[in-house]
Amino acid sequence: MDKEQVISALAEHYRAIIELIGENPDREGLVKTPVRAAKALYYATQGYRESADEVMRSAIFDYSGSQIIIVKDIEFYSFCEHHILPFFGKVSIGYLPNGNMIGLSKLARVVNIYARRLQVQERFTAEVCREVYDTLSAHGVMVVCNAEHLCMKMRGVEKQDSSTTTMEYMGRFAEDASLRAEFLSLLKSM
């Protein structure tokens, strides 16, 4: 299906959902809601239609340095695959180069690609880490993700101040606890 066909099909489902919850989809404020919601969902799940590998490989450059490179606080928005409610937060990525580096904006794009899918935070963090590690053949990669989940805030336990932190690391970061500690220390001091 092309984009317009997908949006049309999603809009039909949104109209049915509006009816199923007891609302009138023909009410003035809701007439255009099914199409607007379909377009929003299509946009918010664009990660299914993009390739993280292609994005990463489009901006790899030679680099002879060997010290840690960190991009901190890359914001993201995603949907929890269990309730299809938003979760959002920030990701910080650190990597130890192995003869090359990546254009910094590509790290933010990779975060968006994996975030814009139905996700769980744990897998999302691991996917970003694996992509950077594999594509750059880095000596090591560490990713820290902190997020707030509306499935925890607006339903169920309704804990407004809760957040979740996940970490994933590979290569030298997995082998060396002091290197992980350095990365975390640098995040706090930046």
C-alpha atoms as a PDB file:
ATOM      1  CA  MET A   1       0.000   0.000   0.000  1.00  0.00           C
ATOM      2  CA  ASP A   2       1.139   3.525  -0.673  1.00  0.00           C
ATOM      3  CA  LYS A   3       1.028   6.274   1.960  1.00  0.00           C
ATOM      4  CA  GLU A   4      -2.451   7.565   1.052  1.00  0.00           C
ATOM      5  CA  GLN A   5      -3.927   4.059   1.103  1.00  0.00           C
ATOM      6  CA  VAL A   6      -2.441   3.380   4.523  1.00  0.00           C
ATOM      7  CA  ILE A   7      -3.728   6.679   5.910  1.00  0.00           C
ATOM      8  CA  SER A   8      -7.193   6.015   4.488  1.00  0.00           C
ATOM      9  CA  ALA A   9      -7.318   2.524   6.023  1.00  0.00           C
ATOM     10  CA  LEU A  10      -6.074   3.810   9.388  1.00  0.00           C
ATOM     11  CA  ALA A  11      -8.691   6.590   9.324  1.00  0.00           C
ATOM     12  CA  GLU A  12     -11.468   4.019   8.842  1.00  0.00           C
ATOM     13  CA  HIS A  13     -10.206   2.154  11.908  1.00  0.00           C
ATOM     14  CA  TYR A  14      -9.982   5.353  13.956  1.00  0.00           C
ATOM     15  CA  ARG A  15     -13.568   6.189  12.993  1.00  0.00           C
ATOM     16  CA  ALA A  16     -14.648   2.751  14.195  1.00  0.00           C
ATOM     17  CA  ILE A  17     -12.716   3.201  17.458  1.00  0.00           C
ATOM     18  CA  ILE A  18     -14.423   6.551  18.067  1.00  0.00           C
ATOM     19  CA  GLU A  19     -17.797   4.846  17.619  1.00  0.00           C
ATOM     20  CA  LEU A  20     -16.805   1.895  19.822  1.00  0.00           C
ATOM     21  CA  ILE A  21     -15.912   4.148  22.764  1.00  0.00           C
ATOM     22  CA  GLY A  22     -19.383   5.706  22.573  1.00  0.00           C
ATOM     23  CA  GLU A  23     -18.686   8.924  20.663  1.00  0.00           C
ATOM     24  CA  ASN A  24     -20.239  10.243  17.492  1.00  0.00           C
ATOM     25  CA  PRO A  25     -17.559  10.492  14.773  1.00  0.00           C
ATOM     26  CA  ASP A  26     -19.840  12.894  12.878  1.00  0.00           C
ATOM     27  CA  ARG A  27     -19.847  15.414  15.739  1.00  0.00           C
ATOM     28  CA  GLU A  28     -18.354  18.765  14.682  1.00  0.00           C
ATOM     29  CA  GLY A  29     -15.103  18.415  16.644  1.00  0.00           C
ATOM     30  CA  LEU A  30     -14.544  14.811  15.535  1.00  0.00           C
ATOM     31  CA  VAL A  31     -15.361  14.856  11.810  1.00  0.00           C
ATOM     32  CA  LYS A  32     -11.725  15.257  10.761  1.00  0.00           C
ATOM     33  CA  THR A  33     -10.214  13.413  13.725  1.00  0.00           C
ATOM     34  CA  PRO A  34      -9.908   9.986  12.046  1.00  0.00           C
ATOM     35  CA  VAL A  35      -7.776  11.398   9.214  1.00  0.00           C
ATOM     36  CA  ARG A  36      -5.732  13.610  11.541  1.00  0.00           C
ATOM     37  CA  ALA A  37      -5.084  10.665  13.889  1.00  0.00           C
ATOM     38  CA  ALA A  38      -4.173   8.415  10.949  1.00  0.00           C
ATOM     39  CA  LYS A  39      -1.663  10.963   9.639  1.00  0.00           C
ATOM     40  CA  ALA A  40      -0.196  11.396  13.121  1.00  0.00           C
ATOM     41  CA  LEU A  41       0.209   7.637  13.597  1.00  0.00           C
ATOM     42  CA  TYR A  42       1.743   7.241  10.148  1.00  0.00           C
ATOM     43  CA  TYR A  43       4.282   9.953  10.989  1.00  0.00           C
ATOM     44  CA  ALA A  44       4.959   8.629  14.498  1.00  0.00           C
ATOM     45  CA  THR A  45       5.733   5.152  13.120  1.00  0.00           C
ATOM     46  CA  GLN A  46       7.937   6.245  10.223  1.00  0.00           C
ATOM     47  CA  GLY A  47      10.805   4.175  11.658  1.00  0.00           C
ATOM     48  CA  TYR A  48       9.285   1.123   9.967  1.00  0.00           C
ATOM     49  CA  ARG A  49       9.877   2.769   6.597  1.00  0.00           C
ATOM     50  CA  GLU A  50      13.476   3.901   7.178  1.00  0.00           C
ATOM     51  CA  SER A  51      16.797   2.086   7.334  1.00  0.00           C
ATOM     52  CA  ALA A  52      19.105   2.897  10.251  1.00  0.00           C
ATOM     53  CA  ASP A  53      21.977   1.214   8.433  1.00  0.00           C
ATOM     54  CA  GLU A  54      21.547   3.410   5.345  1.00  0.00           C
ATOM     55  CA  VAL A  55      21.374   6.559   7.451  1.00  0.00           C
ATOM     56  CA  MET A  56      24.506   5.631   9.394  1.00  0.00           C
ATOM     57  CA  ARG A  57      26.508   4.631   6.327  1.00  0.00           C
ATOM     58  CA  SER A  58      25.734   7.936   4.600  1.00  0.00           C
ATOM     59  CA  ALA A  59      28.043   9.899   6.915  1.00  0.00           C
ATOM     60  CA  ILE A  60      31.036   7.851   8.054  1.00  0.00           C
ATOM     61  CA  PHE A  61      34.373   9.653   7.973  1.00  0.00           C
ATOM     62  CA  ASP A  62      37.978   8.684   8.674  1.00  0.00           C
ATOM     63  CA  TYR A  63      39.101   9.602  12.167  1.00  0.00           C
ATOM     64  CA  SER A  64      42.391   8.705  13.810  1.00  0.00           C
ATOM     65  CA  GLY A  65      41.360   9.607  17.382  1.00  0.00           C
ATOM     66  CA  SER A  66      40.640   6.942  19.956  1.00  0.00           C
ATOM     67  CA  GLN A  67      38.963   8.784  22.829  1.00  0.00           C
ATOM     68  CA  ILE A  68      35.299   8.644  23.689  1.00  0.00           C
ATOM     69  CA  ILE A  69      32.848  10.660  21.613  1.00  0.00           C
ATOM     70  CA  ILE A  70      29.548  11.486  23.337  1.00  0.00           C
ATOM     71  CA  VAL A  71      26.301  12.907  22.047  1.00  0.00           C
ATOM     72  CA  LYS A  72      24.152  13.704  25.050  1.00  0.00           C
ATOM     73  CA  ASP A  73      20.427  14.190  25.562  1.00  0.00           C
ATOM     74  CA  ILE A  74      18.996  13.277  22.168  1.00  0.00           C
ATOM     75  CA  GLU A  75      15.267  13.614  22.756  1.00  0.00           C
ATOM     76  CA  PHE A  76      12.903  10.985  21.396  1.00  0.00           C
ATOM     77  CA  TYR A  77       9.215  10.065  21.308  1.00  0.00           C
ATOM     78  CA  SER A  78       7.938   6.527  20.949  1.00  0.00           C
ATOM     79  CA  PHE A  79       4.916   4.307  21.577  1.00  0.00           C
ATOM     80  CA  CYS A  80       4.858   1.519  24.131  1.00  0.00           C
ATOM     81  CA  GLU A  81       4.026  -1.675  22.264  1.00  0.00           C
ATOM     82  CA  HIS A  82       1.946  -2.953  25.189  1.00  0.00           C
ATOM     83  CA  HIS A  83      -0.599  -0.114  25.396  1.00  0.00           C
ATOM     84  CA  ILE A  84       0.192   2.044  22.352  1.00  0.00           C
ATOM     85  CA  LEU A  85       0.679   5.001  24.672  1.00  0.00           C
ATOM     86  CA  PRO A  86       3.604   7.393  24.318  1.00  0.00           C
ATOM     87  CA  PHE A  87       6.872   7.178  26.130  1.00  0.00           C
ATOM     88  CA  PHE A  88       9.515   9.831  25.690  1.00  0.00           C
ATOM     89  CA  GLY A  89      12.830  10.968  27.033  1.00  0.00           C
ATOM     90  CA  LYS A  90      16.479  11.377  26.184  1.00  0.00           C
ATOM     91  CA  VAL A  91      19.237   9.122  24.915  1.00  0.00           C
ATOM     92  CA  SER A  92      22.969   9.655  25.330  1.00  0.00           C
ATOM     93  CA  ILE A  93      25.397   7.742  23.110  1.00  0.00           C
ATOM     94  CA  GLY A  94      29.110   7.311  23.645  1.00  0.00           C
ATOM     95  CA  TYR A  95      31.456   5.424  21.356  1.00  0.00           C
ATOM     96  CA  LEU A  96      35.133   4.644  21.085  1.00  0.00           C
ATOM     97  CA  PRO A  97      36.139   5.162  17.439  1.00  0.00           C
ATOM     98  CA  ASN A  98      38.005   2.519  15.488  1.00  0.00           C
ATOM     99  CA  GLY A  99      39.412   4.518  12.587  1.00  0.00           C
ATOM    100  CA  ASN A 100      36.206   6.332  11.731  1.00  0.00           C
ATOM    101  CA  MET A 101      33.495   8.577  13.102  1.00  0.00           C
ATOM    102  CA  ILE A 102      29.899   9.347  12.268  1.00  0.00           C
ATOM    103  CA  GLY A 103      28.282  12.659  11.411  1.00  0.00           C
ATOM    104  CA  LEU A 104      26.692  13.625  14.721  1.00  0.00           C
ATOM    105  CA  SER A 105      23.220  14.262  13.322  1.00  0.00           C
ATOM    106  CA  LYS A 106      23.124  10.659  12.116  1.00  0.00           C
ATOM    107  CA  LEU A 107      23.118   9.457  15.726  1.00  0.00           C
ATOM    108  CA  ALA A 108      19.995  11.536  16.350  1.00  0.00           C
ATOM    109  CA  ARG A 109      18.438  10.137  13.172  1.00  0.00           C
ATOM    110  CA  VAL A 110      19.146   6.559  14.249  1.00  0.00           C
ATOM    111  CA  VAL A 111      17.512   7.277  17.605  1.00  0.00           C
ATOM    112  CA  ASN A 112      14.429   8.558  15.754  1.00  0.00           C
ATOM    113  CA  ILE A 113      14.277   5.550  13.436  1.00  0.00           C
ATOM    114  CA  TYR A 114      14.185   3.070  16.305  1.00  0.00           C
ATOM    115  CA  ALA A 115      11.958   5.265  18.490  1.00  0.00           C
ATOM    116  CA  ARG A 116       9.366   5.713  15.767  1.00  0.00           C
ATOM    117  CA  ARG A 117       8.188   2.130  16.035  1.00  0.00           C
ATOM    118  CA  LEU A 118       6.102   0.282  18.581  1.00  0.00           C
ATOM    119  CA  GLN A 119       8.737  -0.313  21.237  1.00  0.00           C
ATOM    120  CA  VAL A 120       9.804  -1.235  24.697  1.00  0.00           C
ATOM    121  CA  GLN A 121      12.521   0.960  26.152  1.00  0.00           C
ATOM    122  CA  GLU A 122      14.868  -1.949  26.811  1.00  0.00           C
ATOM    123  CA  ARG A 123      14.870  -3.139  23.184  1.00  0.00           C
ATOM    124  CA  PHE A 124      15.027   0.420  21.861  1.00  0.00           C
ATOM    125  CA  THR A 125      18.202   1.107  23.879  1.00  0.00           C
ATOM    126  CA  ALA A 126      19.766  -2.162  22.694  1.00  0.00           C
ATOM    127  CA  GLU A 127      18.886  -1.528  19.028  1.00  0.00           C
ATOM    128  CA  VAL A 128      20.503   1.910  19.030  1.00  0.00           C
ATOM    129  CA  CYS A 129      23.623   0.500  20.706  1.00  0.00           C
ATOM    130  CA  ARG A 130      23.901  -2.448  18.293  1.00  0.00           C
ATOM    131  CA  GLU A 131      23.442  -0.226  15.225  1.00  0.00           C
ATOM    132  CA  VAL A 132      26.216   2.181  16.236  1.00  0.00           C
ATOM    133  CA  TYR A 133      28.535  -0.639  17.291  1.00  0.00           C
ATOM    134  CA  ASP A 134      28.067  -2.708  14.136  1.00  0.00           C
ATOM    135  CA  THR A 135      27.996   0.105  11.589  1.00  0.00           C
ATOM    136  CA  LEU A 136      31.067   1.901  12.918  1.00  0.00           C
ATOM    137  CA  SER A 137      32.934  -1.260  13.984  1.00  0.00           C
ATOM    138  CA  ALA A 138      33.585   0.815  17.092  1.00  0.00           C
ATOM    139  CA  HIS A 139      35.879  -0.380  19.886  1.00  0.00           C
ATOM    140  CA  GLY A 140      32.937   0.157  22.197  1.00  0.00           C
ATOM    141  CA  VAL A 141      29.524   1.768  22.452  1.00  0.00           C
ATOM    142  CA  MET A 142      27.399   2.724  25.435  1.00  0.00           C
ATOM    143  CA  VAL A 143      23.847   4.029  25.328  1.00  0.00           C
ATOM    144  CA  VAL A 144      21.876   5.402  28.274  1.00  0.00           C
ATOM    145  CA  CYS A 145      18.163   6.088  27.899  1.00  0.00           C
ATOM    146  CA  ASN A 146      15.929   7.814  30.433  1.00  0.00           C
ATOM    147  CA  ALA A 147      12.223   7.953  29.686  1.00  0.00           C
ATOM    148  CA  GLU A 148       8.789   8.644  31.077  1.00  0.00           C
ATOM    149  CA  HIS A 149       5.970   6.282  30.158  1.00  0.00           C
ATOM    150  CA  LEU A 150       2.373   7.429  29.914  1.00  0.00           C
ATOM    151  CA  CYS A 151       1.271   3.835  30.526  1.00  0.00           C
ATOM    152  CA  MET A 152       2.709   4.351  34.039  1.00  0.00           C
ATOM    153  CA  LYS A 153       1.381   7.901  34.461  1.00  0.00           C
ATOM    154  CA  MET A 154      -2.130   8.022  33.015  1.00  0.00           C
ATOM    155  CA  ARG A 155      -3.378   4.456  33.604  1.00  0.00           C
ATOM    156  CA  GLY A 156      -2.591   1.500  35.821  1.00  0.00           C
ATOM    157  CA  VAL A 157      -0.450   2.570  38.784  1.00  0.00           C
ATOM    158  CA  GLU A 158      -0.619   6.295  37.854  1.00  0.00           C
ATOM    159  CA  LYS A 159       2.822   7.196  39.210  1.00  0.00           C
ATOM    160  CA  GLN A 160       3.448  10.725  37.965  1.00  0.00           C
ATOM    161  CA  ASP A 161       7.078  11.104  39.002  1.00  0.00           C
ATOM    162  CA  SER A 162       8.329   7.766  37.725  1.00  0.00           C
ATOM    163  CA  SER A 163      10.958   7.392  35.039  1.00  0.00           C
ATOM    164  CA  THR A 164      12.937   4.457  33.702  1.00  0.00           C
ATOM    165  CA  THR A 165      16.626   4.289  32.856  1.00  0.00           C
ATOM    166  CA  THR A 166      18.085   1.623  30.604  1.00  0.00           C
ATOM    167  CA  MET A 167      21.699   1.092  29.599  1.00  0.00           C
ATOM    168  CA  GLU A 168      23.264  -1.028  26.925  1.00  0.00           C
ATOM    169  CA  TYR A 169      26.958  -1.389  26.212  1.00  0.00           C
ATOM    170  CA  MET A 170      29.191  -3.397  23.916  1.00  0.00           C
ATOM    171  CA  GLY A 171      32.857  -3.916  23.189  1.00  0.00           C
ATOM    172  CA  ARG A 172      35.282  -2.249  25.571  1.00  0.00           C
ATOM    173  CA  PHE A 173      32.429  -0.742  27.579  1.00  0.00           C
ATOM    174  CA  ALA A 174      31.227  -4.276  28.353  1.00  0.00           C
ATOM    175  CA  GLU A 175      34.722  -5.373  29.354  1.00  0.00           C
ATOM    176  CA  ASP A 176      35.785  -2.404  31.477  1.00  0.00           C
ATOM    177  CA  ALA A 177      33.679  -1.153  34.400  1.00  0.00           C
ATOM    178  CA  SER A 178      35.951   1.890  34.833  1.00  0.00           C
ATOM    179  CA  LEU A 179      35.223   2.935  31.240  1.00  0.00           C
ATOM    180  CA  ARG A 180      31.476   2.695  31.922  1.00  0.00           C
ATOM    181  CA  ALA A 181      31.984   4.749  35.083  1.00  0.00           C
ATOM    182  CA  GLU A 182      33.917   7.371  33.101  1.00  0.00           C
ATOM    183  CA  PHE A 183      31.110   7.626  30.560  1.00  0.00           C
ATOM    184  CA  LEU A 184      28.470   8.038  33.288  1.00  0.00           C
ATOM    185  CA  SER A 185      30.647  10.582  35.099  1.00  0.00           C
ATOM    186  CA  LEU A 186      31.079  12.573  31.889  1.00  0.00           C
ATOM    187  CA  LEU A 187      27.297  12.601  31.367  1.00  0.00           C
ATOM    188  CA  LYS A 188      26.774  14.092  34.815  1.00  0.00           C
ATOM    189  CA  SER A 189      29.466  16.742  34.363  1.00  0.00           C
ATOM    190  CA  MET A 190      28.400  17.919  30.908  1.00  0.00           C
END
